[in-house]
């Protein structure tokens, strides 16, 4: 089983989505949850 690492670092109004230690994209505060799970699904986890 291959384990991928995903995460988010948040600020006051936005956050940055990370995968495998690399920043992927900056998103607004209201979109952090959906953006994080979109990236997780792209890596094949459902």
Protein backbone atom coordinates (compact mmCIF):
# COMPACT_ATOMS: atom_id res chain seq x y z
CA UNK A 1 0.00 0.00 0.00
CA UNK A 2 1.38 3.38 -1.01
CA UNK A 3 0.79 6.21 1.42
CA UNK A 4 0.54 9.77 0.15
CA UNK A 5 0.90 12.75 2.40
CA UNK A 6 -1.44 15.71 1.99
CA UNK A 7 -2.00 18.75 4.11
CA UNK A 8 -2.99 22.34 4.35
CA UNK A 9 -1.48 25.40 5.97
CA UNK A 10 -4.00 28.12 6.65
CA UNK A 11 -3.81 31.82 7.17
CA UNK A 12 -6.42 34.43 7.97
CA UNK A 13 -8.12 34.43 4.56
CA UNK A 14 -6.60 31.55 2.59
CA UNK A 15 -4.65 28.32 2.71
CA UNK A 16 -2.03 26.41 0.73
CA UNK A 17 -2.63 22.77 -0.22
CA UNK A 18 0.45 20.53 0.04
CA UNK A 19 1.20 17.07 -1.31
CA UNK A 20 4.38 15.14 -0.52
CA UNK A 21 5.87 18.25 1.06
CA UNK A 22 5.37 20.43 -2.01
CA UNK A 23 2.93 23.35 -2.22
CA UNK A 24 0.30 22.74 -4.91
CA UNK A 25 -2.02 25.71 -4.85
CA UNK A 26 -3.38 28.58 -2.82
CA UNK A 27 -7.12 28.59 -2.16
CA UNK A 28 -9.59 30.82 -0.39
CA UNK A 29 -10.69 30.02 3.15
CA UNK A 30 -14.09 28.75 2.02
CA UNK A 31 -12.53 26.33 -0.51
CA UNK A 32 -9.82 24.67 1.63
CA UNK A 33 -11.76 21.52 2.55
CA UNK A 34 -12.94 20.80 -1.00
CA UNK A 35 -9.54 21.59 -2.53
CA UNK A 36 -7.74 19.28 -0.10
CA UNK A 37 -10.02 16.35 -0.86
CA UNK A 38 -9.84 17.06 -4.60
CA UNK A 39 -6.07 16.62 -4.41
CA UNK A 40 -6.39 13.44 -2.34
CA UNK A 41 -8.80 11.98 -4.90
CA UNK A 42 -6.41 12.87 -7.77
CA UNK A 43 -3.85 10.56 -6.15
CA UNK A 44 -6.30 7.67 -6.33
CA UNK A 45 -7.77 7.63 -2.82
CA UNK A 46 -11.56 7.47 -2.61
